[in-house]
Amino acid sequence: MPETLHRAAPETDLAASDTTVPSDASELLSVIGDEYTRAVLRALGDDALPAREITDRVDASRATVYRRLKRLKKIGVVETSMAYDAEGHHRTRFRLAVDGLWFEFDDRITVEAER
């Protein structure tokens, strides 16, 4: 059964929000072809989460989750922000940087992202 990876998008004009993902399309396909990467994307949904919470949601080791997050950040699908907890410790939070990805297969593979 095909998997659907999506995040609720705000009401916008799609044509006005299309941008090209700043990465190689074959690299992007390789990254999202990984089972754990897709699980990380599903876990993020609309939330900005620390790696520890993503790890709990994905049921994978923290090292596995961090490797996937690093690759997703490198290709521009995930971004980070800093948050402080009640004790004043800083935590990196990860969130989706795109609302959707569309692939076009012609002479070459083109990727469009809605941000």
PDB file of N, CA and C in Angstrom:
ATOM      1  N   MET A   1       0.851  -1.175   0.000  1.00  0.00           N
ATOM      2  CA  MET A   1       0.000   0.000   0.000  1.00  0.00           C
ATOM      3  C   MET A   1       0.894   1.234   0.000  1.00  0.00           C
ATOM      4  N   PRO A   2       0.657   2.203  -0.882  1.00  0.00           N
ATOM      5  CA  PRO A   2       1.483   3.410  -0.914  1.00  0.00           C
ATOM      6  C   PRO A   2       1.301   4.238   0.350  1.00  0.00           C
ATOM      7  N   GLU A   3       2.362   4.883   0.742  1.00  0.00           N
ATOM      8  CA  GLU A   3       2.302   5.746   1.919  1.00  0.00           C
ATOM      9  C   GLU A   3       2.087   7.175   1.488  1.00  0.00           C
ATOM     10  N   THR A   4       1.349   7.912   2.293  1.00  0.00           N
ATOM     11  CA  THR A   4       1.142   9.327   2.033  1.00  0.00           C
ATOM     12  C   THR A   4       1.839  10.110   3.124  1.00  0.00           C
ATOM     13  N   LEU A   5       2.700  11.016   2.731  1.00  0.00           N
ATOM     14  CA  LEU A   5       3.400  11.886   3.661  1.00  0.00           C
ATOM     15  C   LEU A   5       2.889  13.285   3.413  1.00  0.00           C
ATOM     16  N   HIS A   6       2.225  13.863   4.385  1.00  0.00           N
ATOM     17  CA  HIS A   6       1.722  15.206   4.188  1.00  0.00           C
ATOM     18  C   HIS A   6       1.638  15.941   5.506  1.00  0.00           C
ATOM     19  N   ARG A   7       1.471  17.220   5.386  1.00  0.00           N
ATOM     20  CA  ARG A   7       1.333  18.103   6.531  1.00  0.00           C
ATOM     21  C   ARG A   7       0.253  19.099   6.158  1.00  0.00           C
ATOM     22  N   ALA A   8      -0.609  19.429   7.095  1.00  0.00           N
ATOM     23  CA  ALA A   8      -1.684  20.367   6.795  1.00  0.00           C
ATOM     24  C   ALA A   8      -1.096  21.682   6.307  1.00  0.00           C
ATOM     25  N   ALA A   9      -1.550  22.121   5.156  1.00  0.00           N
ATOM     26  CA  ALA A   9      -1.047  23.361   4.560  1.00  0.00           C
ATOM     27  C   ALA A   9      -2.039  24.480   4.786  1.00  0.00           C
ATOM     28  N   PRO A  10      -1.565  25.687   5.038  1.00  0.00           N
ATOM     29  CA  PRO A  10      -2.474  26.820   5.181  1.00  0.00           C
ATOM     30  C   PRO A  10      -3.122  27.129   3.838  1.00  0.00           C
ATOM     31  N   GLU A  11      -4.231  27.834   3.877  1.00  0.00           N
ATOM     32  CA  GLU A  11      -4.914  28.230   2.648  1.00  0.00           C
ATOM     33  C   GLU A  11      -4.015  29.197   1.888  1.00  0.00           C
ATOM     34  N   THR A  12      -3.432  28.726   0.778  1.00  0.00           N
ATOM     35  CA  THR A  12      -2.576  29.580  -0.039  1.00  0.00           C
ATOM     36  C   THR A  12      -2.799  29.241  -1.494  1.00  0.00           C
ATOM     37  N   ASP A  13      -2.390  30.125  -2.343  1.00  0.00           N
ATOM     38  CA  ASP A  13      -2.407  29.879  -3.777  1.00  0.00           C
ATOM     39  C   ASP A  13      -1.186  29.027  -4.099  1.00  0.00           C
ATOM     40  N   LEU A  14      -1.423  27.807  -4.557  1.00  0.00           N
ATOM     41  CA  LEU A  14      -0.340  26.865  -4.787  1.00  0.00           C
ATOM     42  C   LEU A  14       0.729  27.424  -5.728  1.00  0.00           C
ATOM     43  N   ALA A  15       0.311  28.057  -6.798  1.00  0.00           N
ATOM     44  CA  ALA A  15       1.282  28.578  -7.764  1.00  0.00           C
ATOM     45  C   ALA A  15       2.204  29.614  -7.133  1.00  0.00           C
ATOM     46  N   ALA A  16       1.692  30.375  -6.183  1.00  0.00           N
ATOM     47  CA  ALA A  16       2.494  31.425  -5.554  1.00  0.00           C
ATOM     48  C   ALA A  16       3.495  30.855  -4.557  1.00  0.00           C
ATOM     49  N   SER A  17       3.285  29.609  -4.108  1.00  0.00           N
ATOM     50  CA  SER A  17       4.151  29.084  -3.058  1.00  0.00           C
ATOM     51  C   SER A  17       5.097  27.988  -3.544  1.00  0.00           C
ATOM     52  N   ASP A  18       5.069  27.643  -4.832  1.00  0.00           N
ATOM     53  CA  ASP A  18       5.965  26.614  -5.345  1.00  0.00           C
ATOM     54  C   ASP A  18       7.394  27.137  -5.401  1.00  0.00           C
ATOM     55  N   THR A  19       8.302  26.333  -4.909  1.00  0.00           N
ATOM     56  CA  THR A  19       9.721  26.637  -5.027  1.00  0.00           C
ATOM     57  C   THR A  19      10.450  25.339  -5.295  1.00  0.00           C
ATOM     58  N   THR A  20      11.589  25.410  -5.902  1.00  0.00           N
ATOM     59  CA  THR A  20      12.378  24.219  -6.162  1.00  0.00           C
ATOM     60  C   THR A  20      13.174  23.882  -4.915  1.00  0.00           C
ATOM     61  N   VAL A  21      13.142  22.629  -4.525  1.00  0.00           N
ATOM     62  CA  VAL A  21      13.915  22.172  -3.374  1.00  0.00           C
ATOM     63  C   VAL A  21      15.386  22.277  -3.742  1.00  0.00           C
ATOM     64  N   PRO A  22      16.191  22.930  -2.892  1.00  0.00           N
ATOM     65  CA  PRO A  22      17.596  23.151  -3.227  1.00  0.00           C
ATOM     66  C   PRO A  22      18.467  21.918  -3.011  1.00  0.00           C
ATOM     67  N   SER A  23      18.069  20.810  -3.626  1.00  0.00           N
ATOM     68  CA  SER A  23      18.886  19.607  -3.521  1.00  0.00           C
ATOM     69  C   SER A  23      18.705  18.782  -4.785  1.00  0.00           C
ATOM     70  N   ASP A  24      19.555  17.839  -4.975  1.00  0.00           N
ATOM     71  CA  ASP A  24      19.492  16.949  -6.110  1.00  0.00           C
ATOM     72  C   ASP A  24      18.274  16.039  -5.961  1.00  0.00           C
ATOM     73  N   ALA A  25      17.452  15.938  -7.008  1.00  0.00           N
ATOM     74  CA  ALA A  25      16.225  15.140  -6.944  1.00  0.00           C
ATOM     75  C   ALA A  25      16.521  13.676  -6.639  1.00  0.00           C
ATOM     76  N   SER A  26      17.592  13.136  -7.199  1.00  0.00           N
ATOM     77  CA  SER A  26      17.906  11.735  -6.930  1.00  0.00           C
ATOM     78  C   SER A  26      18.294  11.529  -5.469  1.00  0.00           C
ATOM     79  N   GLU A  27      18.962  12.521  -4.880  1.00  0.00           N
ATOM     80  CA  GLU A  27      19.299  12.437  -3.456  1.00  0.00           C
ATOM     81  C   GLU A  27      18.021  12.480  -2.621  1.00  0.00           C
ATOM     82  N   LEU A  28      17.107  13.363  -2.976  1.00  0.00           N
ATOM     83  CA  LEU A  28      15.841  13.472  -2.259  1.00  0.00           C
ATOM     84  C   LEU A  28      15.060  12.167  -2.335  1.00  0.00           C
ATOM     85  N   LEU A  29      14.985  11.579  -3.513  1.00  0.00           N
ATOM     86  CA  LEU A  29      14.295  10.290  -3.656  1.00  0.00           C
ATOM     87  C   LEU A  29      14.961   9.208  -2.815  1.00  0.00           C
ATOM     88  N   SER A  30      16.278   9.215  -2.782  1.00  0.00           N
ATOM     89  CA  SER A  30      17.013   8.246  -1.973  1.00  0.00           C
ATOM     90  C   SER A  30      16.706   8.418  -0.495  1.00  0.00           C
ATOM     91  N   VAL A  31      16.689   9.671  -0.047  1.00  0.00           N
ATOM     92  CA  VAL A  31      16.443   9.951   1.373  1.00  0.00           C
ATOM     93  C   VAL A  31      15.038   9.526   1.774  1.00  0.00           C
ATOM     94  N   ILE A  32      14.034   9.930   1.010  1.00  0.00           N
ATOM     95  CA  ILE A  32      12.664   9.606   1.425  1.00  0.00           C
ATOM     96  C   ILE A  32      12.276   8.171   1.101  1.00  0.00           C
ATOM     97  N   GLY A  33      13.143   7.461   0.373  1.00  0.00           N
ATOM     98  CA  GLY A  33      12.908   6.048   0.123  1.00  0.00           C
ATOM     99  C   GLY A  33      13.199   5.181   1.336  1.00  0.00           C
ATOM    100  N   ASP A  34      13.827   5.744   2.333  1.00  0.00           N
ATOM    101  CA  ASP A  34      14.203   5.017   3.539  1.00  0.00           C
ATOM    102  C   ASP A  34      13.024   4.931   4.515  1.00  0.00           C
ATOM    103  N   GLU A  35      12.759   3.738   5.016  1.00  0.00           N
ATOM    104  CA  GLU A  35      11.649   3.484   5.934  1.00  0.00           C
ATOM    105  C   GLU A  35      11.706   4.364   7.191  1.00  0.00           C
ATOM    106  N   TYR A  36      12.880   4.499   7.792  1.00  0.00           N
ATOM    107  CA  TYR A  36      12.997   5.307   9.010  1.00  0.00           C
ATOM    108  C   TYR A  36      12.810   6.795   8.721  1.00  0.00           C
ATOM    109  N   THR A  37      13.284   7.236   7.560  1.00  0.00           N
ATOM    110  CA  THR A  37      13.092   8.637   7.193  1.00  0.00           C
ATOM    111  C   THR A  37      11.606   8.944   7.060  1.00  0.00           C
ATOM    112  N   ARG A  38      10.864   8.063   6.411  1.00  0.00           N
ATOM    113  CA  ARG A  38       9.418   8.282   6.277  1.00  0.00           C
ATOM    114  C   ARG A  38       8.738   8.274   7.641  1.00  0.00           C
ATOM    115  N   ALA A  39       9.198   7.438   8.547  1.00  0.00           N
ATOM    116  CA  ALA A  39       8.636   7.412   9.896  1.00  0.00           C
ATOM    117  C   ALA A  39       8.916   8.721  10.622  1.00  0.00           C
ATOM    118  N   VAL A  40      10.110   9.274  10.445  1.00  0.00           N
ATOM    119  CA  VAL A  40      10.459  10.567  11.049  1.00  0.00           C
ATOM    120  C   VAL A  40       9.558  11.663  10.483  1.00  0.00           C
ATOM    121  N   LEU A  41       9.343  11.671   9.171  1.00  0.00           N
ATOM    122  CA  LEU A  41       8.474  12.671   8.551  1.00  0.00           C
ATOM    123  C   LEU A  41       7.049  12.576   9.091  1.00  0.00           C
ATOM    124  N   ARG A  42       6.543  11.353   9.236  1.00  0.00           N
ATOM    125  CA  ARG A  42       5.195  11.176   9.791  1.00  0.00           C
ATOM    126  C   ARG A  42       5.143  11.648  11.242  1.00  0.00           C
ATOM    127  N   ALA A  43       6.191  11.375  12.001  1.00  0.00           N
ATOM    128  CA  ALA A  43       6.222  11.764  13.417  1.00  0.00           C
ATOM    129  C   ALA A  43       6.208  13.284  13.575  1.00  0.00           C
ATOM    130  N   LEU A  44       6.869  13.984  12.672  1.00  0.00           N
ATOM    131  CA  LEU A  44       6.923  15.439  12.771  1.00  0.00           C
ATOM    132  C   LEU A  44       5.564  16.076  12.507  1.00  0.00           C
ATOM    133  N   GLY A  45       4.878  15.650  11.476  1.00  0.00           N
ATOM    134  CA  GLY A  45       3.569  16.231  11.170  1.00  0.00           C
ATOM    135  C   GLY A  45       3.614  17.748  11.220  1.00  0.00           C
ATOM    136  N   ASP A  46       2.750  18.362  12.018  1.00  0.00           N
ATOM    137  CA  ASP A  46       2.705  19.825  12.151  1.00  0.00           C
ATOM    138  C   ASP A  46       3.502  20.332  13.341  1.00  0.00           C
ATOM    139  N   ASP A  47       4.193  19.448  14.038  1.00  0.00           N
ATOM    140  CA  ASP A  47       4.867  19.809  15.284  1.00  0.00           C
ATOM    141  C   ASP A  47       6.345  20.114  15.099  1.00  0.00           C
ATOM    142  N   ALA A  48       6.877  20.933  15.990  1.00  0.00           N
ATOM    143  CA  ALA A  48       8.325  21.122  16.131  1.00  0.00           C
ATOM    144  C   ALA A  48       8.708  20.303  17.358  1.00  0.00           C
ATOM    145  N   LEU A  49       9.542  19.298  17.165  1.00  0.00           N
ATOM    146  CA  LEU A  49       9.827  18.347  18.234  1.00  0.00           C
ATOM    147  C   LEU A  49      11.319  18.167  18.459  1.00  0.00           C
ATOM    148  N   PRO A  50      11.701  17.882  19.704  1.00  0.00           N
ATOM    149  CA  PRO A  50      13.096  17.504  19.965  1.00  0.00           C
ATOM    150  C   PRO A  50      13.317  16.068  19.485  1.00  0.00           C
ATOM    151  N   ALA A  51      14.558  15.734  19.198  1.00  0.00           N
ATOM    152  CA  ALA A  51      14.895  14.396  18.693  1.00  0.00           C
ATOM    153  C   ALA A  51      14.430  13.300  19.647  1.00  0.00           C
ATOM    154  N   ARG A  52      14.484  13.549  20.934  1.00  0.00           N
ATOM    155  CA  ARG A  52      14.068  12.538  21.915  1.00  0.00           C
ATOM    156  C   ARG A  52      12.603  12.148  21.707  1.00  0.00           C
ATOM    157  N   GLU A  53      11.736  13.131  21.475  1.00  0.00           N
ATOM    158  CA  GLU A  53      10.317  12.827  21.268  1.00  0.00           C
ATOM    159  C   GLU A  53      10.093  12.148  19.921  1.00  0.00           C
ATOM    160  N   ILE A  54      10.840  12.566  18.917  1.00  0.00           N
ATOM    161  CA  ILE A  54      10.739  11.903  17.613  1.00  0.00           C
ATOM    162  C   ILE A  54      11.150  10.445  17.757  1.00  0.00           C
ATOM    163  N   THR A  55      12.221  10.210  18.492  1.00  0.00           N
ATOM    164  CA  THR A  55      12.700   8.848  18.730  1.00  0.00           C
ATOM    165  C   THR A  55      11.613   8.000  19.378  1.00  0.00           C
ATOM    166  N   ASP A  56      10.914   8.547  20.365  1.00  0.00           N
ATOM    167  CA  ASP A  56       9.833   7.810  21.024  1.00  0.00           C
ATOM    168  C   ASP A  56       8.706   7.490  20.057  1.00  0.00           C
ATOM    169  N   ARG A  57       8.378   8.423  19.184  1.00  0.00           N
ATOM    170  CA  ARG A  57       7.281   8.227  18.232  1.00  0.00           C
ATOM    171  C   ARG A  57       7.642   7.244  17.120  1.00  0.00           C
ATOM    172  N   VAL A  58       8.925   7.208  16.760  1.00  0.00           N
ATOM    173  CA  VAL A  58       9.367   6.385  15.638  1.00  0.00           C
ATOM    174  C   VAL A  58       9.740   4.978  16.082  1.00  0.00           C
ATOM    175  N   ASP A  59      10.065   4.800  17.336  1.00  0.00           N
ATOM    176  CA  ASP A  59      10.527   3.512  17.858  1.00  0.00           C
ATOM    177  C   ASP A  59      11.812   3.088  17.151  1.00  0.00           C
ATOM    178  N   ALA A  60      12.773   4.006  17.140  1.00  0.00           N
ATOM    179  CA  ALA A  60      14.096   3.747  16.569  1.00  0.00           C
ATOM    180  C   ALA A  60      15.128   4.325  17.526  1.00  0.00           C
ATOM    181  N   SER A  61      16.367   3.947  17.330  1.00  0.00           N
ATOM    182  CA  SER A  61      17.414   4.477  18.200  1.00  0.00           C
ATOM    183  C   SER A  61      17.585   5.968  17.940  1.00  0.00           C
ATOM    184  N   ARG A  62      18.086   6.669  18.933  1.00  0.00           N
ATOM    185  CA  ARG A  62      18.323   8.102  18.791  1.00  0.00           C
ATOM    186  C   ARG A  62      19.337   8.370  17.677  1.00  0.00           C
ATOM    187  N   ALA A  63      20.344   7.523  17.556  1.00  0.00           N
ATOM    188  CA  ALA A  63      21.352   7.697  16.501  1.00  0.00           C
ATOM    189  C   ALA A  63      20.704   7.579  15.122  1.00  0.00           C
ATOM    190  N   THR A  64      19.807   6.631  14.956  1.00  0.00           N
ATOM    191  CA  THR A  64      19.106   6.465  13.675  1.00  0.00           C
ATOM    192  C   THR A  64      18.282   7.702  13.358  1.00  0.00           C
ATOM    193  N   VAL A  65      17.554   8.196  14.351  1.00  0.00           N
ATOM    194  CA  VAL A  65      16.716   9.391  14.148  1.00  0.00           C
ATOM    195  C   VAL A  65      17.583  10.595  13.815  1.00  0.00           C
ATOM    196  N   TYR A  66      18.690  10.795  14.538  1.00  0.00           N
ATOM    197  CA  TYR A  66      19.571  11.936  14.250  1.00  0.00           C
ATOM    198  C   TYR A  66      20.165  11.859  12.843  1.00  0.00           C
ATOM    199  N   ARG A  67      20.541  10.665  12.401  1.00  0.00           N
ATOM    200  CA  ARG A  67      21.084  10.533  11.037  1.00  0.00           C
ATOM    201  C   ARG A  67      20.042  10.934  10.002  1.00  0.00           C
ATOM    202  N   ARG A  68      18.802  10.485  10.210  1.00  0.00           N
ATOM    203  CA  ARG A  68      17.732  10.850   9.258  1.00  0.00           C
ATOM    204  C   ARG A  68      17.442  12.340   9.305  1.00  0.00           C
ATOM    205  N   LEU A  69      17.402  12.923  10.484  1.00  0.00           N
ATOM    206  CA  LEU A  69      17.153  14.364  10.617  1.00  0.00           C
ATOM    207  C   LEU A  69      18.268  15.172   9.952  1.00  0.00           C
ATOM    208  N   LYS A  70      19.499  14.724  10.110  1.00  0.00           N
ATOM    209  CA  LYS A  70      20.633  15.423   9.491  1.00  0.00           C
ATOM    210  C   LYS A  70      20.500  15.406   7.973  1.00  0.00           C
ATOM    211  N   ARG A  71      20.135  14.266   7.403  1.00  0.00           N
ATOM    212  CA  ARG A  71      19.966  14.180   5.948  1.00  0.00           C
ATOM    213  C   ARG A  71      18.791  15.033   5.477  1.00  0.00           C
ATOM    214  N   LEU A  72      17.679  14.995   6.227  1.00  0.00           N
ATOM    215  CA  LEU A  72      16.504  15.791   5.855  1.00  0.00           C
ATOM    216  C   LEU A  72      16.802  17.287   5.936  1.00  0.00           C
ATOM    217  N   LYS A  73      17.591  17.684   6.931  1.00  0.00           N
ATOM    218  CA  LYS A  73      17.963  19.100   7.047  1.00  0.00           C
ATOM    219  C   LYS A  73      18.871  19.503   5.889  1.00  0.00           C
ATOM    220  N   LYS A  74      19.813  18.642   5.534  1.00  0.00           N
ATOM    221  CA  LYS A  74      20.756  18.932   4.452  1.00  0.00           C
ATOM    222  C   LYS A  74      20.030  19.181   3.129  1.00  0.00           C
ATOM    223  N   ILE A  75      18.958  18.451   2.869  1.00  0.00           N
ATOM    224  CA  ILE A  75      18.251  18.612   1.598  1.00  0.00           C
ATOM    225  C   ILE A  75      17.113  19.631   1.689  1.00  0.00           C
ATOM    226  N   GLY A  76      16.940  20.263   2.859  1.00  0.00           N
ATOM    227  CA  GLY A  76      15.978  21.349   2.985  1.00  0.00           C
ATOM    228  C   GLY A  76      14.556  20.956   3.321  1.00  0.00           C
ATOM    229  N   VAL A  77      14.340  19.717   3.742  1.00  0.00           N
ATOM    230  CA  VAL A  77      12.984  19.262   4.083  1.00  0.00           C
ATOM    231  C   VAL A  77      12.677  19.507   5.558  1.00  0.00           C
ATOM    232  N   VAL A  78      13.702  19.551   6.392  1.00  0.00           N
ATOM    233  CA  VAL A  78      13.546  19.793   7.835  1.00  0.00           C
ATOM    234  C   VAL A  78      14.394  21.002   8.216  1.00  0.00           C
ATOM    235  N   GLU A  79      13.890  21.794   9.152  1.00  0.00           N
ATOM    236  CA  GLU A  79      14.660  22.920   9.691  1.00  0.00           C
ATOM    237  C   GLU A  79      14.663  22.818  11.211  1.00  0.00           C
ATOM    238  N   THR A  80      15.580  23.550  11.823  1.00  0.00           N
ATOM    239  CA  THR A  80      15.717  23.488  13.277  1.00  0.00           C
ATOM    240  C   THR A  80      15.454  24.844  13.914  1.00  0.00           C
ATOM    241  N   SER A  81      15.114  24.788  15.186  1.00  0.00           N
ATOM    242  CA  SER A  81      14.982  25.993  16.001  1.00  0.00           C
ATOM    243  C   SER A  81      15.422  25.617  17.408  1.00  0.00           C
ATOM    244  N   MET A  82      15.697  26.627  18.218  1.00  0.00           N
ATOM    245  CA  MET A  82      16.130  26.389  19.587  1.00  0.00           C
ATOM    246  C   MET A  82      14.984  26.711  20.532  1.00  0.00           C
ATOM    247  N   ALA A  83      14.782  25.859  21.523  1.00  0.00           N
ATOM    248  CA  ALA A  83      13.757  26.084  22.539  1.00  0.00           C
ATOM    249  C   ALA A  83      14.398  25.831  23.906  1.00  0.00           C
ATOM    250  N   TYR A  84      13.845  26.466  24.913  1.00  0.00           N
ATOM    251  CA  TYR A  84      14.352  26.298  26.270  1.00  0.00           C
ATOM    252  C   TYR A  84      13.293  25.621  27.122  1.00  0.00           C
ATOM    253  N   ASP A  85      13.729  24.618  27.913  1.00  0.00           N
ATOM    254  CA  ASP A  85      12.770  23.935  28.772  1.00  0.00           C
ATOM    255  C   ASP A  85      12.645  24.676  30.103  1.00  0.00           C
ATOM    256  N   ALA A  86      11.820  24.155  31.006  1.00  0.00           N
ATOM    257  CA  ALA A  86      11.536  24.812  32.283  1.00  0.00           C
ATOM    258  C   ALA A  86      12.792  25.004  33.141  1.00  0.00           C
ATOM    259  N   GLU A  87      13.773  24.116  32.975  1.00  0.00           N
ATOM    260  CA  GLU A  87      15.025  24.223  33.751  1.00  0.00           C
ATOM    261  C   GLU A  87      16.045  25.121  33.081  1.00  0.00           C
ATOM    262  N   GLY A  88      15.709  25.689  31.931  1.00  0.00           N
ATOM    263  CA  GLY A  88      16.617  26.597  31.234  1.00  0.00           C
ATOM    264  C   GLY A  88      17.570  25.925  30.260  1.00  0.00           C
ATOM    265  N   HIS A  89      17.437  24.611  30.065  1.00  0.00           N
ATOM    266  CA  HIS A  89      18.281  23.907  29.107  1.00  0.00           C
ATOM    267  C   HIS A  89      17.768  24.166  27.700  1.00  0.00           C
ATOM    268  N   HIS A  90      18.681  24.319  26.768  1.00  0.00           N
ATOM    269  CA  HIS A  90      18.264  24.531  25.382  1.00  0.00           C
ATOM    270  C   HIS A  90      18.138  23.187  24.677  1.00  0.00           C
ATOM    271  N   ARG A  91      17.153  23.109  23.822  1.00  0.00           N
ATOM    272  CA  ARG A  91      16.885  21.900  23.062  1.00  0.00           C
ATOM    273  C   ARG A  91      16.671  22.278  21.599  1.00  0.00           C
ATOM    274  N   THR A  92      17.303  21.539  20.727  1.00  0.00           N
ATOM    275  CA  THR A  92      17.056  21.735  19.304  1.00  0.00           C
ATOM    276  C   THR A  92      15.747  21.048  18.962  1.00  0.00           C
ATOM    277  N   ARG A  93      14.891  21.785  18.267  1.00  0.00           N
ATOM    278  CA  ARG A  93      13.612  21.233  17.819  1.00  0.00           C
ATOM    279  C   ARG A  93      13.641  21.163  16.297  1.00  0.00           C
ATOM    280  N   PHE A  94      13.036  20.124  15.782  1.00  0.00           N
ATOM    281  CA  PHE A  94      13.006  19.886  14.346  1.00  0.00           C
ATOM    282  C   PHE A  94      11.571  20.023  13.860  1.00  0.00           C
ATOM    283  N   ARG A  95      11.412  20.620  12.676  1.00  0.00           N
ATOM    284  CA  ARG A  95      10.086  20.731  12.071  1.00  0.00           C
ATOM    285  C   ARG A  95      10.214  20.657  10.562  1.00  0.00           C
ATOM    286  N   LEU A  96       9.104  20.287   9.934  1.00  0.00           N
ATOM    287  CA  LEU A  96       9.099  20.229   8.474  1.00  0.00           C
ATOM    288  C   LEU A  96       9.255  21.632   7.901  1.00  0.00           C
ATOM    289  N   ALA A  97      10.090  21.764   6.906  1.00  0.00           N
ATOM    290  CA  ALA A  97      10.317  23.052   6.248  1.00  0.00           C
ATOM    291  C   ALA A  97       9.453  23.184   4.999  1.00  0.00           C
ATOM    292  N   VAL A  98       8.790  22.121   4.607  1.00  0.00           N
ATOM    293  CA  VAL A  98       7.927  22.126   3.425  1.00  0.00           C
ATOM    294  C   VAL A  98       6.573  21.552   3.794  1.00  0.00           C
ATOM    295  N   ASP A  99       5.553  21.972   3.067  1.00  0.00           N
ATOM    296  CA  ASP A  99       4.207  21.436   3.270  1.00  0.00           C
ATOM    297  C   ASP A  99       3.922  20.276   2.330  1.00  0.00           C
ATOM    298  N   GLY A 100       4.641  20.204   1.241  1.00  0.00           N
ATOM    299  CA  GLY A 100       4.450  19.121   0.296  1.00  0.00           C
ATOM    300  C   GLY A 100       5.554  19.085  -0.737  1.00  0.00           C
ATOM    301  N   LEU A 101       5.762  17.916  -1.322  1.00  0.00           N
ATOM    302  CA  LEU A 101       6.750  17.726  -2.384  1.00  0.00           C
ATOM    303  C   LEU A 101       6.051  17.084  -3.577  1.00  0.00           C
ATOM    304  N   TRP A 102       6.343  17.602  -4.766  1.00  0.00           N
ATOM    305  CA  TRP A 102       5.784  17.052  -5.989  1.00  0.00           C
ATOM    306  C   TRP A 102       6.927  16.721  -6.917  1.00  0.00           C
ATOM    307  N   PHE A 103       6.852  15.540  -7.518  1.00  0.00           N
ATOM    308  CA  PHE A 103       7.881  15.082  -8.440  1.00  0.00           C
ATOM    309  C   PHE A 103       7.309  15.037  -9.849  1.00  0.00           C
ATOM    310  N   GLU A 104       8.107  15.473 -10.816  1.00  0.00           N
ATOM    311  CA  GLU A 104       7.730  15.385 -12.219  1.00  0.00           C
ATOM    312  C   GLU A 104       8.817  14.587 -12.919  1.00  0.00           C
ATOM    313  N   PHE A 105       8.408  13.565 -13.636  1.00  0.00           N
ATOM    314  CA  PHE A 105       9.350  12.681 -14.316  1.00  0.00           C
ATOM    315  C   PHE A 105       9.221  12.877 -15.822  1.00  0.00           C
ATOM    316  N   ASP A 106      10.133  13.630 -16.397  1.00  0.00           N
ATOM    317  CA  ASP A 106      10.198  13.835 -17.842  1.00  0.00           C
ATOM    318  C   ASP A 106      11.572  13.363 -18.290  1.00  0.00           C
ATOM    319  N   ASP A 107      12.280  14.227 -19.008  1.00  0.00           N
ATOM    320  CA  ASP A 107      13.649  13.921 -19.400  1.00  0.00           C
ATOM    321  C   ASP A 107      14.535  13.830 -18.166  1.00  0.00           C
ATOM    322  N   ARG A 108      14.137  14.548 -17.157  1.00  0.00           N
ATOM    323  CA  ARG A 108      14.856  14.544 -15.876  1.00  0.00           C
ATOM    324  C   ARG A 108      13.813  14.619 -14.763  1.00  0.00           C
ATOM    325  N   ILE A 109      14.237  14.418 -13.552  1.00  0.00           N
ATOM    326  CA  ILE A 109      13.316  14.487 -12.408  1.00  0.00           C
ATOM    327  C   ILE A 109      13.347  15.904 -11.863  1.00  0.00           C
ATOM    328  N   THR A 110      12.179  16.489 -11.737  1.00  0.00           N
ATOM    329  CA  THR A 110      12.040  17.826 -11.173  1.00  0.00           C
ATOM    330  C   THR A 110      11.257  17.713  -9.880  1.00  0.00           C
ATOM    331  N   VAL A 111      11.700  18.428  -8.857  1.00  0.00           N
ATOM    332  CA  VAL A 111      11.015  18.424  -7.566  1.00  0.00           C
ATOM    333  C   VAL A 111      10.530  19.827  -7.270  1.00  0.00           C
ATOM    334  N   GLU A 112       9.275  19.947  -6.912  1.00  0.00           N
ATOM    335  CA  GLU A 112       8.709  21.225  -6.484  1.00  0.00           C
ATOM    336  C   GLU A 112       8.274  21.064  -5.036  1.00  0.00           C
ATOM    337  N   ALA A 113       8.463  22.105  -4.253  1.00  0.00           N
ATOM    338  CA  ALA A 113       8.082  22.076  -2.841  1.00  0.00           C
ATOM    339  C   ALA A 113       7.153  23.226  -2.530  1.00  0.00           C
ATOM    340  N   GLU A 114       6.149  22.941  -1.734  1.00  0.00           N
ATOM    341  CA  GLU A 114       5.299  24.002  -1.222  1.00  0.00           C
ATOM    342  C   GLU A 114       5.791  24.329   0.169  1.00  0.00           C
ATOM    343  N   ARG A 115       6.076  25.603   0.398  1.00  0.00           N
ATOM    344  CA  ARG A 115       6.576  26.024   1.708  1.00  0.00           C
ATOM    345  C   ARG A 115       5.561  26.868   2.405  1.00  0.00           C
TER     346      ARG A 115
END
